[in-house]
Amino acid sequence: MLPDSPLLTVEGLGHDYGNGKGMRDISFRLWPGEVLGVVGESGSGKTTLLKALGGGLRPDRGRILYRQADGVTVDLLTLAEGRRRHLAALAEPRRRRHVSPIRPWRQERADADHP
């Protein structure tokens, strides 16, 4: 079953560094399962866009809407810093502690060779 709203909606996003460079009027929707590629010439605003999406740059205009797992859509630009960090922590995959089966065998072997 497809959701009735996109996972991420960017509307009219823009940022001006004061020298006429940055990004202007960026809009798109990203649905679950989709992959978005950001390409362009040097100076076209790729890094500015990604910084804005990641929270490292506050855009001058526009909205970034994110649909949470519970279906509630929030504007990431209006959320408090602590709430944005909480969302980032939820999105980060949990890391498993890697236990190698080879390490204990090698240690046992070394102990047997040197009593």
Protein backbone atom coordinates (compact mmCIF):
# COMPACT_ATOMS: atom_id res chain seq x y z
CA MET A 1 0.00 0.00 0.00
CA LEU A 2 1.41 3.38 -1.01
CA PRO A 3 1.27 6.26 1.48
CA ASP A 4 -0.92 9.19 0.54
CA SER A 5 1.77 11.80 1.22
CA PRO A 6 5.47 12.06 0.37
CA LEU A 7 8.17 11.35 2.93
CA LEU A 8 9.92 14.65 2.19
CA THR A 9 8.52 17.76 0.52
CA VAL A 10 10.69 20.76 -0.30
CA GLU A 11 8.82 23.90 -1.34
CA GLY A 12 10.41 27.08 -2.71
CA LEU A 13 13.67 26.60 -0.84
CA GLY A 14 16.18 29.38 -1.33
CA HIS A 15 19.31 30.88 0.18
CA ASP A 16 21.38 33.86 -0.92
CA TYR A 17 24.92 34.31 0.37
CA GLY A 18 24.74 38.00 -0.51
CA ASN A 19 26.74 37.70 -3.69
CA GLY A 20 23.90 36.34 -5.83
CA LYS A 21 25.01 32.76 -5.23
CA GLY A 22 23.28 30.02 -3.33
CA MET A 23 20.06 28.38 -4.44
CA ARG A 24 16.73 29.67 -5.66
CA ASP A 25 13.22 28.19 -5.71
CA ILE A 26 14.06 24.49 -5.13
CA SER A 27 10.97 22.28 -4.91
CA PHE A 28 10.53 18.50 -5.03
CA ARG A 29 8.78 15.58 -3.38
CA LEU A 30 10.48 12.38 -2.29
CA TRP A 31 8.32 9.30 -1.79
CA PRO A 32 9.29 6.20 0.24
CA GLY A 33 11.54 3.93 -1.82
CA GLU A 34 12.65 6.70 -4.18
CA VAL A 35 16.25 7.77 -4.57
CA LEU A 36 17.14 11.38 -5.34
CA GLY A 37 20.34 12.38 -7.09
CA VAL A 38 21.63 15.94 -6.88
CA VAL A 39 23.79 16.92 -9.85
CA GLY A 40 24.87 20.19 -11.40
CA GLU A 41 27.74 22.38 -12.41
CA SER A 42 30.18 23.81 -9.90
CA GLY A 43 28.52 26.66 -8.02
CA SER A 44 24.99 25.60 -8.93
CA GLY A 45 23.85 25.15 -5.30
CA LYS A 46 24.22 21.40 -4.69
CA THR A 47 26.12 21.79 -1.43
CA THR A 48 23.87 24.62 -0.27
CA LEU A 49 20.81 22.42 -0.83
CA LEU A 50 22.30 19.45 1.00
CA LYS A 51 23.40 21.63 3.92
CA ALA A 52 19.88 23.04 4.18
CA LEU A 53 18.31 19.57 4.07
CA GLY A 54 20.74 18.32 6.72
CA GLY A 55 20.13 21.24 9.08
CA GLY A 56 23.57 22.79 8.69
CA LEU A 57 22.26 25.90 6.93
CA ARG A 58 19.08 27.85 7.55
CA PRO A 59 17.54 28.82 4.20
CA ASP A 60 16.23 32.35 3.64
CA ARG A 61 12.91 31.09 2.30
CA GLY A 62 10.88 27.96 1.69
CA ARG A 63 9.81 24.92 3.67
CA ILE A 64 11.14 21.41 4.30
CA LEU A 65 8.32 19.09 5.29
CA TYR A 66 9.07 15.64 6.72
CA ARG A 67 6.48 12.90 7.28
CA GLN A 68 7.31 11.05 10.47
CA ALA A 69 6.73 7.33 11.02
CA ASP A 70 3.45 8.13 12.83
CA GLY A 71 2.20 9.95 9.71
CA VAL A 72 2.44 13.45 11.18
CA THR A 73 4.16 15.94 8.87
CA VAL A 74 6.44 18.54 10.46
CA ASP A 75 8.25 21.55 9.02
CA LEU A 76 11.90 20.88 9.81
CA LEU A 77 12.72 24.60 9.69
CA THR A 78 10.34 25.40 12.55
CA LEU A 79 11.40 22.56 14.87
CA ALA A 80 13.60 23.24 17.87
CA GLU A 81 17.20 21.99 17.67
CA GLY A 82 16.56 19.21 20.19
CA ARG A 83 13.59 17.87 18.22
CA ARG A 84 15.60 17.88 14.96
CA ARG A 85 18.40 15.96 16.67
CA HIS A 86 15.87 13.45 17.97
CA LEU A 87 14.59 12.87 14.42
CA ALA A 88 18.17 12.42 13.19
CA ALA A 89 18.87 9.86 15.92
CA LEU A 90 15.75 7.91 14.95
CA ALA A 91 16.84 7.84 11.30
CA GLU A 92 20.37 6.62 12.05
CA PRO A 93 20.71 2.84 11.81
CA ARG A 94 21.61 1.09 15.02
CA ARG A 95 25.11 -0.25 15.05
CA ARG A 96 25.68 -3.85 16.01
CA ARG A 97 28.73 -4.83 17.92
CA HIS A 98 30.75 -7.00 15.59
CA VAL A 99 32.11 -10.12 17.21
CA SER A 100 34.47 -12.06 15.05
CA PRO A 101 34.43 -15.84 15.51
CA ILE A 102 38.07 -15.94 14.37
CA ARG A 103 39.49 -13.81 17.18
CA PRO A 104 38.65 -16.23 20.04
CA TRP A 105 40.07 -19.17 18.06
CA ARG A 106 43.34 -17.35 17.45
CA GLN A 107 43.56 -16.40 21.12
CA GLU A 108 42.93 -20.01 22.21
CA ARG A 109 45.60 -21.21 19.79
CA ALA A 110 48.11 -18.66 21.07
CA ASP A 111 47.39 -19.69 24.67
CA ALA A 112 47.91 -23.37 23.76
CA ASP A 113 51.28 -22.62 22.11
CA HIS A 114 52.52 -20.65 25.11
CA PRO A 115 51.39 -22.29 28.38
